[in-house]
Amino acid sequence: MINEINRGWEMGYGWILGITAIVIILVLIGVIINQKRQYNRLKNKSPLDIIKDRYAKGEISKEEFEDKRRALIV
């Protein structure tokens, strides 16, 4: 039984595992880099910039935006 499994790897099926591992590693590296970029973008924004973005996306109403803006300015 063990010889049959090893024979499968020797016949060329092992490269699938190798390519899969490389793809998984590259995807993880991409996710980590993307998260760091998003964190840096948020870290460099002022609170006023953040509420402007939220208002532009429609996440908050005009009244909420004005209230939050006044609170930040005062």
PDB file of N, CA and C in Angstrom:
ATOM      1  N   MET A   1       0.829  -1.198   0.000  1.00  0.00           N
ATOM      2  CA  MET A   1       0.000   0.000   0.000  1.00  0.00           C
ATOM      3  C   MET A   1       0.872   1.261   0.000  1.00  0.00           C
ATOM      4  N   ILE A   2       1.879   1.262   0.868  1.00  0.00           N
ATOM      5  CA  ILE A   2       2.764   2.428   0.937  1.00  0.00           C
ATOM      6  C   ILE A   2       3.520   2.589  -0.375  1.00  0.00           C
ATOM      7  N   ASN A   3       3.931   1.495  -0.964  1.00  0.00           N
ATOM      8  CA  ASN A   3       4.641   1.564  -2.235  1.00  0.00           C
ATOM      9  C   ASN A   3       3.759   2.144  -3.332  1.00  0.00           C
ATOM     10  N   GLU A   4       2.461   1.843  -3.280  1.00  0.00           N
ATOM     11  CA  GLU A   4       1.550   2.378  -4.284  1.00  0.00           C
ATOM     12  C   GLU A   4       1.422   3.896  -4.138  1.00  0.00           C
ATOM     13  N   ILE A   5       1.363   4.366  -2.897  1.00  0.00           N
ATOM     14  CA  ILE A   5       1.270   5.819  -2.657  1.00  0.00           C
ATOM     15  C   ILE A   5       2.550   6.499  -3.132  1.00  0.00           C
ATOM     16  N   ASN A   6       3.676   5.953  -2.769  1.00  0.00           N
ATOM     17  CA  ASN A   6       4.955   6.534  -3.178  1.00  0.00           C
ATOM     18  C   ASN A   6       5.100   6.517  -4.693  1.00  0.00           C
ATOM     19  N   ARG A   7       4.616   5.480  -5.327  1.00  0.00           N
ATOM     20  CA  ARG A   7       4.708   5.393  -6.775  1.00  0.00           C
ATOM     21  C   ARG A   7       3.925   6.536  -7.423  1.00  0.00           C
ATOM     22  N   GLY A   8       2.801   6.920  -6.831  1.00  0.00           N
ATOM     23  CA  GLY A   8       2.026   8.041  -7.352  1.00  0.00           C
ATOM     24  C   GLY A   8       2.819   9.332  -7.319  1.00  0.00           C
ATOM     25  N   TRP A   9       3.534   9.544  -6.223  1.00  0.00           N
ATOM     26  CA  TRP A   9       4.357  10.757  -6.132  1.00  0.00           C
ATOM     27  C   TRP A   9       5.504  10.702  -7.130  1.00  0.00           C
ATOM     28  N   GLU A  10       6.070   9.547  -7.281  1.00  0.00           N
ATOM     29  CA  GLU A  10       7.186   9.398  -8.208  1.00  0.00           C
ATOM     30  C   GLU A  10       6.752   9.559  -9.657  1.00  0.00           C
ATOM     31  N   MET A  11       5.486   9.276  -9.925  1.00  0.00           N
ATOM     32  CA  MET A  11       4.995   9.358 -11.299  1.00  0.00           C
ATOM     33  C   MET A  11       4.677  10.797 -11.717  1.00  0.00           C
ATOM     34  N   GLY A  12       4.836  11.738 -10.828  1.00  0.00           N
ATOM     35  CA  GLY A  12       4.650  13.111 -11.241  1.00  0.00           C
ATOM     36  C   GLY A  12       3.493  13.824 -10.593  1.00  0.00           C
ATOM     37  N   TYR A  13       2.851  13.227  -9.606  1.00  0.00           N
ATOM     38  CA  TYR A  13       1.745  13.910  -8.949  1.00  0.00           C
ATOM     39  C   TYR A  13       2.217  14.890  -7.872  1.00  0.00           C
ATOM     40  N   GLY A  14       3.441  14.797  -7.462  1.00  0.00           N
ATOM     41  CA  GLY A  14       3.975  15.666  -6.417  1.00  0.00           C
ATOM     42  C   GLY A  14       4.034  17.131  -6.814  1.00  0.00           C
ATOM     43  N   TRP A  15       4.170  17.407  -8.085  1.00  0.00           N
ATOM     44  CA  TRP A  15       4.268  18.799  -8.534  1.00  0.00           C
ATOM     45  C   TRP A  15       2.978  19.559  -8.264  1.00  0.00           C
ATOM     46  N   ILE A  16       1.841  18.861  -8.226  1.00  0.00           N
ATOM     47  CA  ILE A  16       0.563  19.525  -7.930  1.00  0.00           C
ATOM     48  C   ILE A  16       0.603  20.103  -6.520  1.00  0.00           C
ATOM     49  N   LEU A  17       1.108  19.313  -5.563  1.00  0.00           N
ATOM     50  CA  LEU A  17       1.225  19.783  -4.191  1.00  0.00           C
ATOM     51  C   LEU A  17       2.188  20.971  -4.109  1.00  0.00           C
ATOM     52  N   GLY A  18       3.280  20.894  -4.830  1.00  0.00           N
ATOM     53  CA  GLY A  18       4.257  21.985  -4.817  1.00  0.00           C
ATOM     54  C   GLY A  18       3.681  23.279  -5.364  1.00  0.00           C
ATOM     55  N   ILE A  19       2.990  23.199  -6.478  1.00  0.00           N
ATOM     56  CA  ILE A  19       2.385  24.392  -7.074  1.00  0.00           C
ATOM     57  C   ILE A  19       1.293  24.948  -6.166  1.00  0.00           C
ATOM     58  N   THR A  20       0.497  24.057  -5.565  1.00  0.00           N
ATOM     59  CA  THR A  20      -0.553  24.487  -4.653  1.00  0.00           C
ATOM     60  C   THR A  20       0.048  25.229  -3.456  1.00  0.00           C
ATOM     61  N   ALA A  21       1.120  24.710  -2.900  1.00  0.00           N
ATOM     62  CA  ALA A  21       1.775  25.357  -1.769  1.00  0.00           C
ATOM     63  C   ALA A  21       2.295  26.737  -2.157  1.00  0.00           C
ATOM     64  N   ILE A  22       2.906  26.844  -3.317  1.00  0.00           N
ATOM     65  CA  ILE A  22       3.430  28.132  -3.784  1.00  0.00           C
ATOM     66  C   ILE A  22       2.294  29.134  -3.970  1.00  0.00           C
ATOM     67  N   VAL A  23       1.194  28.710  -4.558  1.00  0.00           N
ATOM     68  CA  VAL A  23       0.044  29.600  -4.768  1.00  0.00           C
ATOM     69  C   VAL A  23      -0.512  30.071  -3.432  1.00  0.00           C
ATOM     70  N   ILE A  24      -0.648  29.160  -2.471  1.00  0.00           N
ATOM     71  CA  ILE A  24      -1.167  29.537  -1.148  1.00  0.00           C
ATOM     72  C   ILE A  24      -0.245  30.548  -0.481  1.00  0.00           C
ATOM     73  N   ILE A  25       1.043  30.335  -0.562  1.00  0.00           N
ATOM     74  CA  ILE A  25       2.003  31.271   0.038  1.00  0.00           C
ATOM     75  C   ILE A  25       1.903  32.635  -0.628  1.00  0.00           C
ATOM     76  N   LEU A  26       1.820  32.679  -1.952  1.00  0.00           N
ATOM     77  CA  LEU A  26       1.720  33.961  -2.659  1.00  0.00           C
ATOM     78  C   LEU A  26       0.422  34.696  -2.314  1.00  0.00           C
ATOM     79  N   VAL A  27      -0.673  33.951  -2.185  1.00  0.00           N
ATOM     80  CA  VAL A  27      -1.947  34.578  -1.811  1.00  0.00           C
ATOM     81  C   VAL A  27      -1.851  35.157  -0.406  1.00  0.00           C
ATOM     82  N   LEU A  28      -1.272  34.422   0.523  1.00  0.00           N
ATOM     83  CA  LEU A  28      -1.120  34.925   1.893  1.00  0.00           C
ATOM     84  C   LEU A  28      -0.248  36.182   1.938  1.00  0.00           C
ATOM     85  N   ILE A  29       0.819  36.186   1.169  1.00  0.00           N
ATOM     86  CA  ILE A  29       1.682  37.379   1.113  1.00  0.00           C
ATOM     87  C   ILE A  29       0.891  38.565   0.557  1.00  0.00           C
ATOM     88  N   GLY A  30       0.097  38.333  -0.487  1.00  0.00           N
ATOM     89  CA  GLY A  30      -0.717  39.408  -1.056  1.00  0.00           C
ATOM     90  C   GLY A  30      -1.733  39.947  -0.059  1.00  0.00           C
ATOM     91  N   VAL A  31      -2.368  39.068   0.692  1.00  0.00           N
ATOM     92  CA  VAL A  31      -3.348  39.497   1.690  1.00  0.00           C
ATOM     93  C   VAL A  31      -2.682  40.337   2.770  1.00  0.00           C
ATOM     94  N   ILE A  32      -1.531  39.914   3.228  1.00  0.00           N
ATOM     95  CA  ILE A  32      -0.811  40.657   4.273  1.00  0.00           C
ATOM     96  C   ILE A  32      -0.404  42.035   3.766  1.00  0.00           C
ATOM     97  N   ILE A  33       0.111  42.112   2.565  1.00  0.00           N
ATOM     98  CA  ILE A  33       0.510  43.406   1.998  1.00  0.00           C
ATOM     99  C   ILE A  33      -0.699  44.315   1.843  1.00  0.00           C
ATOM    100  N   ASN A  34      -1.818  43.775   1.381  1.00  0.00           N
ATOM    101  CA  ASN A  34      -3.030  44.572   1.198  1.00  0.00           C
ATOM    102  C   ASN A  34      -3.536  45.103   2.531  1.00  0.00           C
ATOM    103  N   GLN A  35      -3.504  44.287   3.574  1.00  0.00           N
ATOM    104  CA  GLN A  35      -3.956  44.733   4.886  1.00  0.00           C
ATOM    105  C   GLN A  35      -3.068  45.847   5.417  1.00  0.00           C
ATOM    106  N   LYS A  36      -1.769  45.740   5.215  1.00  0.00           N
ATOM    107  CA  LYS A  36      -0.858  46.788   5.676  1.00  0.00           C
ATOM    108  C   LYS A  36      -1.113  48.098   4.932  1.00  0.00           C
ATOM    109  N   ARG A  37      -1.377  48.014   3.638  1.00  0.00           N
ATOM    110  CA  ARG A  37      -1.664  49.231   2.860  1.00  0.00           C
ATOM    111  C   ARG A  37      -2.945  49.889   3.338  1.00  0.00           C
ATOM    112  N   GLN A  38      -3.980  49.088   3.592  1.00  0.00           N
ATOM    113  CA  GLN A  38      -5.244  49.648   4.070  1.00  0.00           C
ATOM    114  C   GLN A  38      -5.057  50.276   5.440  1.00  0.00           C
ATOM    115  N   TYR A  39      -4.292  49.647   6.319  1.00  0.00           N
ATOM    116  CA  TYR A  39      -4.044  50.195   7.645  1.00  0.00           C
ATOM    117  C   TYR A  39      -3.301  51.528   7.538  1.00  0.00           C
ATOM    118  N   ASN A  40      -2.311  51.587   6.660  1.00  0.00           N
ATOM    119  CA  ASN A  40      -1.551  52.828   6.500  1.00  0.00           C
ATOM    120  C   ASN A  40      -2.425  53.946   5.944  1.00  0.00           C
ATOM    121  N   ARG A  41      -3.337  53.614   5.024  1.00  0.00           N
ATOM    122  CA  ARG A  41      -4.240  54.630   4.482  1.00  0.00           C
ATOM    123  C   ARG A  41      -5.139  55.189   5.575  1.00  0.00           C
ATOM    124  N   LEU A  42      -5.675  54.302   6.395  1.00  0.00           N
ATOM    125  CA  LEU A  42      -6.554  54.750   7.473  1.00  0.00           C
ATOM    126  C   LEU A  42      -5.773  55.506   8.538  1.00  0.00           C
ATOM    127  N   LYS A  43      -4.558  55.085   8.797  1.00  0.00           N
ATOM    128  CA  LYS A  43      -3.737  55.721   9.824  1.00  0.00           C
ATOM    129  C   LYS A  43      -3.390  57.157   9.430  1.00  0.00           C
ATOM    130  N   ASN A  44      -3.221  57.416   8.152  1.00  0.00           N
ATOM    131  CA  ASN A  44      -2.804  58.732   7.693  1.00  0.00           C
ATOM    132  C   ASN A  44      -3.975  59.686   7.476  1.00  0.00           C
ATOM    133  N   LYS A  45      -5.214  59.212   7.577  1.00  0.00           N
ATOM    134  CA  LYS A  45      -6.377  60.070   7.355  1.00  0.00           C
ATOM    135  C   LYS A  45      -6.774  60.764   8.652  1.00  0.00           C
ATOM    136  N   SER A  46      -7.201  62.000   8.508  1.00  0.00           N
ATOM    137  CA  SER A  46      -7.725  62.718   9.668  1.00  0.00           C
ATOM    138  C   SER A  46      -9.159  62.264   9.917  1.00  0.00           C
ATOM    139  N   PRO A  47      -9.683  62.490  11.112  1.00  0.00           N
ATOM    140  CA  PRO A  47     -11.079  62.136  11.386  1.00  0.00           C
ATOM    141  C   PRO A  47     -12.057  62.819  10.423  1.00  0.00           C
ATOM    142  N   LEU A  48     -11.754  64.056  10.038  1.00  0.00           N
ATOM    143  CA  LEU A  48     -12.623  64.763   9.105  1.00  0.00           C
ATOM    144  C   LEU A  48     -12.622  64.074   7.737  1.00  0.00           C
ATOM    145  N   ASP A  49     -11.451  63.614   7.295  1.00  0.00           N
ATOM    146  CA  ASP A  49     -11.376  62.872   6.027  1.00  0.00           C
ATOM    147  C   ASP A  49     -12.196  61.592   6.089  1.00  0.00           C
ATOM    148  N   ILE A  50     -12.166  60.923   7.224  1.00  0.00           N
ATOM    149  CA  ILE A  50     -12.901  59.671   7.375  1.00  0.00           C
ATOM    150  C   ILE A  50     -14.403  59.912   7.291  1.00  0.00           C
ATOM    151  N   ILE A  51     -14.900  60.955   7.976  1.00  0.00           N
ATOM    152  CA  ILE A  51     -16.350  61.185   7.907  1.00  0.00           C
ATOM    153  C   ILE A  51     -16.757  61.706   6.526  1.00  0.00           C
ATOM    154  N   LYS A  52     -15.869  62.422   5.848  1.00  0.00           N
ATOM    155  CA  LYS A  52     -16.159  62.837   4.470  1.00  0.00           C
ATOM    156  C   LYS A  52     -16.314  61.619   3.566  1.00  0.00           C
ATOM    157  N   ASP A  53     -15.406  60.648   3.731  1.00  0.00           N
ATOM    158  CA  ASP A  53     -15.494  59.413   2.944  1.00  0.00           C
ATOM    159  C   ASP A  53     -16.783  58.653   3.251  1.00  0.00           C
ATOM    160  N   ARG A  54     -17.132  58.560   4.531  1.00  0.00           N
ATOM    161  CA  ARG A  54     -18.357  57.842   4.912  1.00  0.00           C
ATOM    162  C   ARG A  54     -19.588  58.532   4.338  1.00  0.00           C
ATOM    163  N   TYR A  55     -19.589  59.865   4.330  1.00  0.00           N
ATOM    164  CA  TYR A  55     -20.718  60.606   3.757  1.00  0.00           C
ATOM    165  C   TYR A  55     -20.783  60.394   2.241  1.00  0.00           C
ATOM    166  N   ALA A  56     -19.633  60.405   1.604  1.00  0.00           N
ATOM    167  CA  ALA A  56     -19.591  60.201   0.149  1.00  0.00           C
ATOM    168  C   ALA A  56     -20.074  58.799  -0.234  1.00  0.00           C
ATOM    169  N   LYS A  57     -19.801  57.811   0.606  1.00  0.00           N
ATOM    170  CA  LYS A  57     -20.248  56.446   0.341  1.00  0.00           C
ATOM    171  C   LYS A  57     -21.717  56.233   0.695  1.00  0.00           C
ATOM    172  N   GLY A  58     -22.302  57.202   1.390  1.00  0.00           N
ATOM    173  CA  GLY A  58     -23.702  57.073   1.778  1.00  0.00           C
ATOM    174  C   GLY A  58     -23.907  56.321   3.079  1.00  0.00           C
ATOM    175  N   GLU A  59     -22.838  56.144   3.841  1.00  0.00           N
ATOM    176  CA  GLU A  59     -22.938  55.421   5.100  1.00  0.00           C
ATOM    177  C   GLU A  59     -23.596  56.262   6.189  1.00  0.00           C
ATOM    178  N   ILE A  60     -23.451  57.575   6.093  1.00  0.00           N
ATOM    179  CA  ILE A  60     -24.085  58.469   7.066  1.00  0.00           C
ATOM    180  C   ILE A  60     -24.879  59.532   6.319  1.00  0.00           C
ATOM    181  N   SER A  61     -25.892  60.062   6.987  1.00  0.00           N
ATOM    182  CA  SER A  61     -26.733  61.083   6.363  1.00  0.00           C
ATOM    183  C   SER A  61     -26.049  62.444   6.457  1.00  0.00           C
ATOM    184  N   LYS A  62     -26.640  63.422   5.778  1.00  0.00           N
ATOM    185  CA  LYS A  62     -26.087  64.778   5.797  1.00  0.00           C
ATOM    186  C   LYS A  62     -26.120  65.341   7.211  1.00  0.00           C
ATOM    187  N   GLU A  63     -27.207  65.070   7.941  1.00  0.00           N
ATOM    188  CA  GLU A  63     -27.321  65.572   9.309  1.00  0.00           C
ATOM    189  C   GLU A  63     -26.239  64.961  10.209  1.00  0.00           C
ATOM    190  N   GLU A  64     -26.020  63.651  10.058  1.00  0.00           N
ATOM    191  CA  GLU A  64     -24.971  63.006  10.846  1.00  0.00           C
ATOM    192  C   GLU A  64     -23.605  63.580  10.484  1.00  0.00           C
ATOM    193  N   PHE A  65     -23.381  63.800   9.199  1.00  0.00           N
ATOM    194  CA  PHE A  65     -22.110  64.366   8.762  1.00  0.00           C
ATOM    195  C   PHE A  65     -21.894  65.742   9.372  1.00  0.00           C
ATOM    196  N   GLU A  66     -22.925  66.595   9.312  1.00  0.00           N
ATOM    197  CA  GLU A  66     -22.798  67.943   9.869  1.00  0.00           C
ATOM    198  C   GLU A  66     -22.557  67.903  11.373  1.00  0.00           C
ATOM    199  N   ASP A  67     -23.263  67.025  12.074  1.00  0.00           N
ATOM    200  CA  ASP A  67     -23.072  66.906  13.530  1.00  0.00           C
ATOM    201  C   ASP A  67     -21.656  66.464  13.862  1.00  0.00           C
ATOM    202  N   LYS A  68     -21.170  65.482  13.159  1.00  0.00           N
ATOM    203  CA  LYS A  68     -19.830  64.976  13.417  1.00  0.00           C
ATOM    204  C   LYS A  68     -18.769  66.008  13.029  1.00  0.00           C
ATOM    205  N   ARG A  69     -19.002  66.720  11.941  1.00  0.00           N
ATOM    206  CA  ARG A  69     -18.050  67.746  11.504  1.00  0.00           C
ATOM    207  C   ARG A  69     -17.961  68.859  12.535  1.00  0.00           C
ATOM    208  N   ARG A  70     -19.141  69.310  13.015  1.00  0.00           N
ATOM    209  CA  ARG A  70     -19.144  70.364  14.047  1.00  0.00           C
ATOM    210  C   ARG A  70     -18.437  69.896  15.319  1.00  0.00           C
ATOM    211  N   ALA A  71     -18.656  68.648  15.692  1.00  0.00           N
ATOM    212  CA  ALA A  71     -18.011  68.113  16.897  1.00  0.00           C
ATOM    213  C   ALA A  71     -16.499  68.060  16.749  1.00  0.00           C
ATOM    214  N   LEU A  72     -16.039  67.779  15.546  1.00  0.00           N
ATOM    215  CA  LEU A  72     -14.589  67.714  15.322  1.00  0.00           C
ATOM    216  C   LEU A  72     -13.955  69.093  15.264  1.00  0.00           C
ATOM    217  N   ILE A  73     -14.659  70.043  14.694  1.00  0.00           N
ATOM    218  CA  ILE A  73     -14.102  71.386  14.524  1.00  0.00           C
ATOM    219  C   ILE A  73     -14.048  72.130  15.844  1.00  0.00           C
ATOM    220  N   VAL A  74     -15.027  71.923  16.689  1.00  0.00           N
ATOM    221  CA  VAL A  74     -15.078  72.644  17.986  1.00  0.00           C
ATOM    222  C   VAL A  74     -14.119  72.087  18.954  1.00  0.00           C
TER     223      VAL A  74
END
